[in-house]
Amino acid sequence: MRFAFKRSLSPVAYCALHVRTGTRYEDAGRGGLAHFTEHLLFKGTETRSAGTVNSYIEKLGGELNAYTTKEETVIHATVLKEDLRRAVDLLMDIAFRCIFPEKEIDKERSVVLEEINTYRDSPAEQIYDDFEEIIFEGTPLSMPVLGKAKYLRKADREVVSDYYRKMFREENMYFTAVADMEEGRVREMVERALGKYSWQEDAVLAQAGSSQEVPAEVPEVLRVNPPFERTVNRRNHQTHCIIGARAYSAYDSRRIPLSLLINILGGPVANSRLNLLLRERYGLVYSVDASYGVYSDAGIATIYFGCDRSNLDRCLALTDRVLTSLREDLLSTRALSWAKKQLLGQMAIASDNGEAQVLSMGKSLMTYGRVISNSESAALVEAVTAEDLRRVAAEVFDPAAMSRLIYA
């Protein structure tokens, strides 16, 4: 198990256990198993009942939570620093000693199936999954994180236990902590809990420290499917549209200028180009977003907006105008400087949050074998040139490579 720590000056401590699992590591015909297993992690261990697991941290005034993506499952806790040992102990218990009672499996299956149905009622969210499913068709990344109902109905205790035993292993785990303590003390907490709960005889806690961005195992490059244009009649009041294309993986240096470009184009800011044009200037949409999903061997860049059906063609034309400008024209020195300032400010503010820090550290440790510092990340952004942005825009948003999905 890899370990990384950062000292803070807060009375609150944070810890997280990242597991290299998720949708892409599921066997064919078992879509959603990683997410389903994540739900069941809180349903009891060999020494703690489901009620105890769920209330233990809350009784200390803290928080316990988890989430699953296509490439990881993360269990994380927030507590007062004097209770960090208890939180570490609980995370290790959950990671190695879950028992998956039959009655809890049946109950939680119903909960997840309801979650899937609820998700279908939100076209603004569902369209992302449908788009990725088509883009990555025929690859492990095509399955949505929640999975499919037909597969979940077949996930019994044996299936869940086998997956848990296969994926929840020390060499597949990364533990991070942020606390106002000496690193050695926190490391001792983690080592003691690992030795207490792990069922592997060779359990070892290894320090992070690789100097190169080289993953332990890079999956094979996924095949590239041809671009598509599809319209689905969903009988929605609003028309939803997503356009996008395959992009760069986590190990491609071009991910940095693309991240900056996405922020300029339609990131979580009011002055993004698409928001200023489609919403503020013309009032055609309520929201418009651009996003960049990064995976080990692939990436996906998308633009989403929802509008009245009569405004769809105009929104598409305006979006194309913005993309054409980014493909063909260089940003001015002043515009580039402000774009960098904005992204660096967002990064700095996000990193000031202890929970965001501990989760970001784990993701970095799992992906690159080390924790990339804030200063290193800032230097990578500062090094981006206007030509880098133009070149990336021309590659990723090449009209011949773009796909489109519309919910009408």
Protein backbone atom coordinates (compact mmCIF):
# COMPACT_ATOMS: atom_id res chain seq x y z
CA MET A 1 0.00 0.00 0.00
CA ARG A 2 1.40 3.40 -1.00
CA PHE A 3 1.26 6.23 1.53
CA ALA A 4 1.45 10.04 1.32
CA PHE A 5 1.00 12.71 3.98
CA LYS A 6 0.69 16.48 4.17
CA ARG A 7 0.85 18.53 7.34
CA SER A 8 -1.78 21.16 7.96
CA LEU A 9 -2.48 23.69 10.73
CA SER A 10 -6.12 22.75 11.17
CA PRO A 11 -7.75 20.99 14.14
CA VAL A 12 -9.55 18.87 11.52
CA ALA A 13 -7.85 15.81 9.99
CA TYR A 14 -8.61 14.08 6.71
CA CYS A 15 -7.77 10.60 5.46
CA ALA A 16 -8.65 8.65 2.33
CA LEU A 17 -8.13 5.19 0.93
CA HIS A 18 -7.99 5.05 -2.87
CA VAL A 19 -8.44 1.67 -4.56
CA ARG A 20 -7.49 1.15 -8.20
CA THR A 21 -10.80 -0.35 -9.23
CA GLY A 22 -13.94 1.04 -10.86
CA THR A 23 -16.00 0.37 -13.94
CA ARG A 24 -13.12 -0.30 -16.32
CA TYR A 25 -11.87 -3.21 -14.21
CA GLU A 26 -15.16 -5.09 -14.20
CA ASP A 27 -15.58 -8.32 -16.14
CA ALA A 28 -17.86 -8.30 -19.17
CA GLY A 29 -21.47 -8.68 -18.16
CA ARG A 30 -20.96 -7.23 -14.69
CA GLY A 31 -21.44 -3.52 -15.28
CA GLY A 32 -21.85 -1.46 -12.11
CA LEU A 33 -20.21 -4.04 -9.85
CA ALA A 34 -17.59 -1.60 -8.53
CA HIS A 35 -20.23 0.98 -7.58
CA PHE A 36 -22.46 -1.71 -6.06
CA THR A 37 -19.54 -3.01 -4.00
CA GLU A 38 -18.85 0.53 -2.78
CA HIS A 39 -22.41 0.73 -1.43
CA LEU A 40 -21.97 -2.59 0.35
CA LEU A 41 -18.72 -1.57 2.05
CA PHE A 42 -20.84 0.10 4.73
CA LYS A 43 -23.02 -2.93 5.45
CA GLY A 44 -20.92 -4.50 8.16
CA THR A 45 -17.52 -6.05 8.84
CA GLU A 46 -16.37 -9.04 10.88
CA THR A 47 -16.36 -6.88 14.04
CA ARG A 48 -18.75 -4.01 13.27
CA SER A 49 -22.42 -4.08 12.33
CA ALA A 50 -23.77 -1.94 9.50
CA GLY A 51 -25.18 0.49 12.05
CA THR A 52 -21.83 0.80 13.79
CA VAL A 53 -19.93 1.35 10.54
CA ASN A 54 -22.29 4.12 9.49
CA SER A 55 -22.54 5.90 12.84
CA TYR A 56 -19.03 5.49 14.25
CA ILE A 57 -17.48 8.58 12.65
CA GLU A 58 -20.66 10.66 12.96
CA LYS A 59 -20.68 10.09 16.73
CA LEU A 60 -17.28 11.75 16.78
CA GLY A 61 -18.70 14.74 14.92
CA GLY A 62 -17.02 13.70 11.69
CA GLU A 63 -18.02 12.48 8.24
CA LEU A 64 -17.54 9.19 6.41
CA ASN A 65 -18.17 8.87 2.69
CA ALA A 66 -17.17 7.07 -0.50
CA TYR A 67 -17.48 7.34 -4.25
CA THR A 68 -16.67 5.32 -7.35
CA THR A 69 -15.45 6.45 -10.76
CA LYS A 70 -14.48 4.50 -13.85
CA GLU A 71 -10.97 3.96 -12.46
CA GLU A 72 -11.14 4.13 -8.66
CA THR A 73 -13.15 3.65 -5.51
CA VAL A 74 -12.40 6.03 -2.64
CA ILE A 75 -13.39 5.79 1.03
CA HIS A 76 -12.65 8.95 2.99
CA ALA A 77 -13.24 10.39 6.45
CA THR A 78 -13.09 13.79 8.13
CA VAL A 79 -12.58 13.97 11.91
CA LEU A 80 -10.99 16.07 14.63
CA LYS A 81 -7.27 15.36 14.65
CA GLU A 82 -7.45 13.56 18.01
CA ASP A 83 -9.80 11.03 16.39
CA LEU A 84 -7.68 10.32 13.31
CA ARG A 85 -6.53 6.94 14.65
CA ARG A 86 -10.16 5.84 14.95
CA ALA A 87 -10.89 6.95 11.38
CA VAL A 88 -7.83 5.13 10.01
CA ASP A 89 -8.84 1.99 11.90
CA LEU A 90 -12.36 2.09 10.44
CA LEU A 91 -11.16 2.61 6.86
CA MET A 92 -8.86 -0.42 7.13
CA ASP A 93 -11.63 -2.52 8.64
CA ILE A 94 -13.90 -1.61 5.74
CA ALA A 95 -11.13 -2.23 3.20
CA PHE A 96 -10.37 -5.78 4.30
CA ARG A 97 -13.05 -7.23 6.57
CA CYS A 98 -16.45 -6.64 4.95
CA ILE A 99 -18.83 -9.62 5.17
CA PHE A 100 -21.61 -8.63 2.72
CA PRO A 101 -24.73 -10.06 4.43
CA GLU A 102 -27.27 -11.47 1.98
CA LYS A 103 -30.14 -9.37 3.31
CA GLU A 104 -28.08 -6.20 2.95
CA ILE A 105 -27.16 -7.11 -0.63
CA ASP A 106 -30.82 -7.51 -1.59
CA LYS A 107 -31.74 -4.27 0.16
CA GLU A 108 -28.91 -2.25 -1.35
CA ARG A 109 -29.56 -3.64 -4.82
CA SER A 110 -33.00 -2.04 -4.65
CA VAL A 111 -31.42 1.24 -3.58
CA VAL A 112 -28.96 1.25 -6.50
CA LEU A 113 -31.66 0.30 -9.01
CA GLU A 114 -33.70 3.24 -7.75
CA GLU A 115 -30.61 5.45 -8.09
CA ILE A 116 -30.33 4.38 -11.74
CA ASN A 117 -34.00 5.17 -12.37
CA THR A 118 -33.65 8.56 -10.69
CA TYR A 119 -30.62 9.32 -12.83
CA ARG A 120 -32.63 8.62 -15.98
CA ASP A 121 -35.02 11.36 -14.92
CA SER A 122 -32.17 13.89 -15.20
CA PRO A 123 -31.35 14.19 -18.92
CA ALA A 124 -28.68 16.82 -18.26
CA GLU A 125 -26.71 14.13 -16.40
CA GLN A 126 -27.77 11.03 -18.33
CA ILE A 127 -26.62 12.46 -21.64
CA TYR A 128 -22.97 12.41 -20.48
CA ASP A 129 -23.10 8.69 -19.75
CA ASP A 130 -24.83 7.93 -23.03
CA PHE A 131 -22.27 9.98 -24.94
CA GLU A 132 -19.31 8.21 -23.33
CA GLU A 133 -20.95 4.84 -23.85
CA ILE A 134 -21.03 5.47 -27.60
CA ILE A 135 -17.60 7.13 -27.80
CA PHE A 136 -15.95 4.25 -25.94
CA GLU A 137 -18.13 1.47 -27.32
CA GLY A 138 -16.34 -1.86 -27.28
CA THR A 139 -13.93 -0.82 -24.51
CA PRO A 140 -13.98 -1.08 -20.69
CA LEU A 141 -14.74 2.65 -20.42
CA SER A 142 -18.11 2.38 -22.14
CA MET A 143 -20.05 1.17 -19.09
CA PRO A 144 -21.58 3.91 -16.88
CA VAL A 145 -20.42 3.93 -13.26
CA LEU A 146 -23.90 3.07 -11.97
CA GLY A 147 -23.99 0.10 -14.33
CA LYS A 148 -27.04 -1.48 -15.91
CA ALA A 149 -30.03 -2.93 -14.07
CA LYS A 150 -29.84 -6.22 -15.96
CA TYR A 151 -26.32 -6.83 -14.64
CA LEU A 152 -26.97 -5.68 -11.07
CA ARG A 153 -29.85 -8.10 -10.68
CA LYS A 154 -27.33 -10.93 -11.16
CA ALA A 155 -24.80 -9.60 -8.62
CA ASP A 156 -25.12 -11.98 -5.65
CA ARG A 157 -22.92 -12.34 -2.57
CA GLU A 158 -20.43 -14.63 -4.31
CA VAL A 159 -19.93 -12.20 -7.19
CA VAL A 160 -19.45 -9.21 -4.86
CA SER A 161 -17.12 -11.07 -2.50
CA ASP A 162 -14.94 -12.32 -5.34
CA TYR A 163 -14.62 -8.83 -6.79
CA TYR A 164 -13.83 -7.35 -3.36
CA ARG A 165 -11.17 -9.96 -2.69
CA LYS A 166 -9.64 -9.47 -6.12
CA MET A 167 -9.49 -5.66 -6.14
CA PHE A 168 -9.09 -4.65 -2.47
CA ARG A 169 -5.43 -5.63 -2.07
CA GLU A 170 -2.54 -3.60 -0.61
CA GLU A 171 -0.69 -3.30 -3.91
CA ASN A 172 -3.88 -1.84 -5.39
CA MET A 173 -4.39 0.74 -2.62
CA TYR A 174 -3.17 4.25 -1.83
CA PHE A 175 -3.62 5.88 1.58
CA THR A 176 -3.38 9.65 2.07
CA ALA A 177 -3.78 11.88 5.11
CA VAL A 178 -3.77 15.60 5.88
CA ALA A 179 -3.44 16.51 9.56
CA ASP A 180 -1.67 18.70 12.10
CA MET A 181 0.59 15.88 13.29
CA GLU A 182 4.06 14.52 12.72
CA GLU A 183 4.19 12.34 9.61
CA GLY A 184 5.80 9.49 11.52
CA ARG A 185 2.91 9.38 13.97
CA VAL A 186 0.32 9.16 11.18
CA ARG A 187 2.37 6.56 9.36
CA GLU A 188 2.47 4.46 12.53
CA MET A 189 -1.34 4.66 12.78
CA VAL A 190 -1.75 3.42 9.23
CA GLU A 191 0.86 0.65 9.58
CA ARG A 192 -0.71 -0.61 12.80
CA ALA A 193 -4.21 -0.67 11.30
CA LEU A 194 -2.92 -2.34 8.12
CA GLY A 195 -1.23 -5.05 10.16
CA LYS A 196 -4.35 -5.55 12.25
CA TYR A 197 -6.91 -5.90 9.46
CA SER A 198 -5.12 -7.03 6.32
CA TRP A 199 -5.55 -10.66 5.34
CA GLN A 200 -2.40 -10.59 3.21
CA GLU A 201 0.72 -11.91 4.92
CA ASP A 202 3.04 -9.57 3.01
CA ALA A 203 1.22 -6.34 3.90
CA VAL A 204 3.63 -3.40 3.61
CA LEU A 205 3.17 0.37 3.74
CA ALA A 206 5.44 1.99 1.15
CA GLN A 207 6.32 5.67 0.99
CA ALA A 208 5.50 7.62 -2.16
CA GLY A 209 8.50 9.07 -3.92
CA SER A 210 8.88 8.15 -7.57
CA SER A 211 10.41 11.06 -9.46
CA GLN A 212 8.83 10.21 -12.82
CA GLU A 213 5.29 10.25 -14.07
CA VAL A 214 5.25 6.55 -14.87
CA PRO A 215 2.25 4.45 -13.81
CA ALA A 216 2.64 1.01 -12.30
CA GLU A 217 0.62 -0.36 -15.18
CA VAL A 218 -0.63 1.54 -18.22
CA PRO A 219 -3.60 -0.14 -19.90
CA GLU A 220 -3.45 -0.67 -23.64
CA VAL A 221 -4.56 2.28 -25.74
CA LEU A 222 -8.25 2.01 -26.46
CA ARG A 223 -9.46 1.70 -30.01
CA VAL A 224 -10.92 4.84 -31.56
CA ASN A 225 -14.47 4.57 -32.80
CA PRO A 226 -15.65 6.75 -35.72
CA PRO A 227 -17.45 10.05 -34.98
CA PHE A 228 -21.23 9.93 -34.80
CA GLU A 229 -24.32 12.16 -34.81
CA ARG A 230 -27.43 10.87 -33.06
CA THR A 231 -30.75 12.34 -31.99
CA VAL A 232 -32.83 10.58 -29.35
CA ASN A 233 -36.48 11.46 -28.83
CA ARG A 234 -36.82 11.82 -25.06
CA ARG A 235 -39.96 13.97 -25.14
CA ASN A 236 -38.26 16.55 -22.92
CA HIS A 237 -39.47 20.11 -22.58
CA GLN A 238 -35.87 21.19 -23.12
CA THR A 239 -33.50 20.02 -25.85
CA HIS A 240 -30.17 18.76 -24.48
CA CYS A 241 -27.06 18.62 -26.62
CA ILE A 242 -23.54 17.36 -26.06
CA ILE A 243 -20.71 17.56 -28.58
CA GLY A 244 -17.17 16.33 -28.10
CA ALA A 245 -14.35 14.03 -29.03
CA ARG A 246 -11.65 11.76 -27.72
CA ALA A 247 -8.83 13.60 -25.98
CA TYR A 248 -5.54 13.05 -24.14
CA SER A 249 -4.80 10.53 -21.39
CA ALA A 250 -3.42 11.29 -17.93
CA TYR A 251 0.10 10.61 -19.20
CA ASP A 252 0.02 12.98 -22.15
CA SER A 253 1.67 16.37 -21.53
CA ARG A 254 -0.95 18.01 -23.78
CA ARG A 255 -3.48 17.47 -20.97
CA ILE A 256 -2.23 20.72 -19.39
CA PRO A 257 -3.00 23.10 -22.28
CA LEU A 258 -6.28 21.24 -22.88
CA SER A 259 -7.30 21.78 -19.25
CA LEU A 260 -6.61 25.50 -19.66
CA LEU A 261 -8.48 25.57 -22.96
CA ILE A 262 -11.54 23.89 -21.44
CA ASN A 263 -11.58 26.48 -18.65
CA ILE A 264 -11.48 29.28 -21.21
CA LEU A 265 -14.15 27.66 -23.33
CA GLY A 266 -16.77 26.75 -20.76
CA GLY A 267 -15.32 25.95 -17.37
CA PRO A 268 -17.07 26.59 -14.03
CA VAL A 269 -16.81 30.35 -14.40
CA ALA A 270 -19.25 33.04 -15.51
CA ASN A 271 -16.80 34.65 -17.93
CA SER A 272 -16.14 31.53 -19.99
CA ARG A 273 -16.51 32.19 -23.71
CA LEU A 274 -19.52 29.98 -24.28
CA ASN A 275 -21.38 31.26 -21.21
CA LEU A 276 -20.78 34.89 -22.20
CA LEU A 277 -22.02 34.24 -25.73
CA LEU A 278 -24.86 31.74 -25.40
CA ARG A 279 -26.30 32.85 -22.08
CA GLU A 280 -25.23 36.40 -21.23
CA ARG A 281 -25.28 37.91 -24.71
CA TYR A 282 -28.13 36.05 -26.40
CA GLY A 283 -30.04 34.40 -23.54
CA LEU A 284 -30.34 31.11 -25.41
CA VAL A 285 -29.43 28.71 -22.60
CA TYR A 286 -29.71 28.40 -18.85
CA SER A 287 -26.37 26.61 -18.57
CA VAL A 288 -23.48 25.68 -20.84
CA ASP A 289 -20.44 23.72 -19.76
CA ALA A 290 -17.20 22.37 -21.15
CA SER A 291 -15.44 19.49 -19.42
CA TYR A 292 -12.42 17.24 -19.79
CA GLY A 293 -12.52 13.68 -18.47
CA VAL A 294 -9.09 12.11 -18.03
CA TYR A 295 -8.41 8.36 -17.85
CA SER A 296 -5.27 6.20 -17.83
CA ASP A 297 -5.31 5.55 -21.55
CA ALA A 298 -7.82 8.00 -22.95
CA GLY A 299 -9.63 11.26 -22.40
CA ILE A 300 -12.81 12.94 -23.53
CA ALA A 301 -13.54 16.63 -24.10
CA THR A 302 -17.19 17.70 -24.21
CA ILE A 303 -19.42 20.74 -24.48
CA TYR A 304 -22.96 20.55 -23.12
CA PHE A 305 -25.91 22.94 -23.26
CA GLY A 306 -29.66 22.76 -22.79
CA CYS A 307 -31.94 25.06 -24.78
CA ASP A 308 -35.37 25.49 -26.30
CA ARG A 309 -35.76 23.27 -29.37
CA SER A 310 -36.16 26.28 -31.63
CA ASN A 311 -32.75 27.62 -30.52
CA LEU A 312 -30.74 24.42 -31.10
CA ASP A 313 -29.34 25.30 -34.54
CA ARG A 314 -28.36 28.78 -33.43
CA CYS A 315 -26.60 27.44 -30.31
CA LEU A 316 -24.68 24.93 -32.43
CA ALA A 317 -23.66 27.65 -34.90
CA LEU A 318 -22.44 29.96 -32.11
CA THR A 319 -20.54 27.13 -30.47
CA ASP A 320 -18.87 26.34 -33.78
CA ARG A 321 -17.92 30.01 -34.12
CA VAL A 322 -16.12 29.91 -30.77
CA LEU A 323 -14.34 26.65 -31.59
CA THR A 324 -13.27 27.94 -35.00
CA SER A 325 -11.73 31.00 -33.37
CA LEU A 326 -9.79 28.87 -30.89
CA ARG A 327 -8.59 26.55 -33.68
CA GLU A 328 -7.42 29.34 -35.97
CA ASP A 329 -6.47 32.35 -33.84
CA LEU A 330 -3.85 32.85 -31.15
CA LEU A 331 -4.90 34.28 -27.81
CA SER A 332 -3.40 37.68 -27.11
CA THR A 333 -0.70 37.91 -24.44
CA ARG A 334 -3.12 39.67 -22.12
CA ALA A 335 -5.93 37.14 -22.65
CA LEU A 336 -3.57 34.23 -22.07
CA SER A 337 -2.22 35.82 -18.91
CA TRP A 338 -5.72 36.32 -17.48
CA ALA A 339 -6.75 32.79 -18.42
CA LYS A 340 -3.77 31.38 -16.53
CA LYS A 341 -4.42 33.65 -13.56
CA GLN A 342 -8.01 32.45 -13.38
CA LEU A 343 -7.14 28.74 -13.53
CA LEU A 344 -4.30 29.09 -11.04
CA GLY A 345 -6.62 30.93 -8.67
CA GLN A 346 -9.21 28.16 -8.94
CA MET A 347 -6.52 25.55 -8.28
CA ALA A 348 -5.13 27.41 -5.26
CA ILE A 349 -8.54 27.93 -3.67
CA ALA A 350 -9.47 24.28 -4.22
CA SER A 351 -6.20 23.09 -2.67
CA ASP A 352 -6.88 25.16 0.45
CA ASN A 353 -9.63 22.68 1.37
CA GLY A 354 -8.34 19.72 3.42
CA GLU A 355 -10.76 17.21 1.94
CA ALA A 356 -9.92 18.33 -1.61
CA GLN A 357 -6.22 17.99 -0.74
CA VAL A 358 -6.43 14.46 0.59
CA LEU A 359 -8.48 13.29 -2.40
CA SER A 360 -6.24 15.03 -4.93
CA MET A 361 -3.14 13.53 -3.29
CA GLY A 362 -4.56 10.04 -3.59
CA LYS A 363 -5.47 10.51 -7.24
CA SER A 364 -2.00 11.82 -8.02
CA LEU A 365 -0.31 9.03 -6.06
CA MET A 366 -2.36 6.38 -7.84
CA THR A 367 -1.83 7.90 -11.29
CA TYR A 368 1.78 9.08 -11.19
CA GLY A 369 3.31 7.23 -8.25
CA ARG A 370 3.86 10.49 -6.39
CA VAL A 371 2.04 13.58 -5.21
CA ILE A 372 2.49 16.44 -7.64
CA SER A 373 2.96 19.65 -5.65
CA ASN A 374 0.89 22.81 -6.13
CA SER A 375 3.99 24.68 -7.28
CA GLU A 376 4.76 22.05 -9.92
CA SER A 377 1.19 22.14 -11.20
CA ALA A 378 1.32 25.93 -11.36
CA ALA A 379 4.59 25.82 -13.30
CA LEU A 380 3.05 23.47 -15.87
CA VAL A 381 0.17 25.90 -16.41
CA GLU A 382 2.47 28.91 -16.62
CA ALA A 383 4.49 27.16 -19.33
CA VAL A 384 1.53 26.89 -21.72
CA THR A 385 1.83 29.11 -24.79
CA ALA A 386 -0.83 30.57 -27.08
CA GLU A 387 0.37 28.24 -29.83
CA ASP A 388 -0.04 25.25 -27.47
CA LEU A 389 -3.69 26.23 -26.97
CA ARG A 390 -4.32 26.74 -30.68
CA ARG A 391 -2.70 23.41 -31.57
CA VAL A 392 -4.68 21.50 -28.94
CA ALA A 393 -7.93 23.16 -30.05
CA ALA A 394 -7.22 22.16 -33.65
CA GLU A 395 -6.51 18.55 -32.66
CA VAL A 396 -9.29 17.88 -30.16
CA PHE A 397 -12.01 20.03 -31.70
CA ASP A 398 -11.31 19.07 -35.30
CA PRO A 399 -14.76 19.10 -36.96
CA ALA A 400 -13.98 15.78 -38.66
CA ALA A 401 -13.41 14.12 -35.27
CA MET A 402 -16.33 15.63 -33.34
CA SER A 403 -19.41 13.64 -32.30
CA ARG A 404 -22.86 14.89 -31.32
CA LEU A 405 -25.70 13.53 -29.21
CA ILE A 406 -29.04 15.34 -28.89
CA TYR A 407 -31.96 14.60 -26.59
CA ALA A 408 -34.98 16.12 -28.34
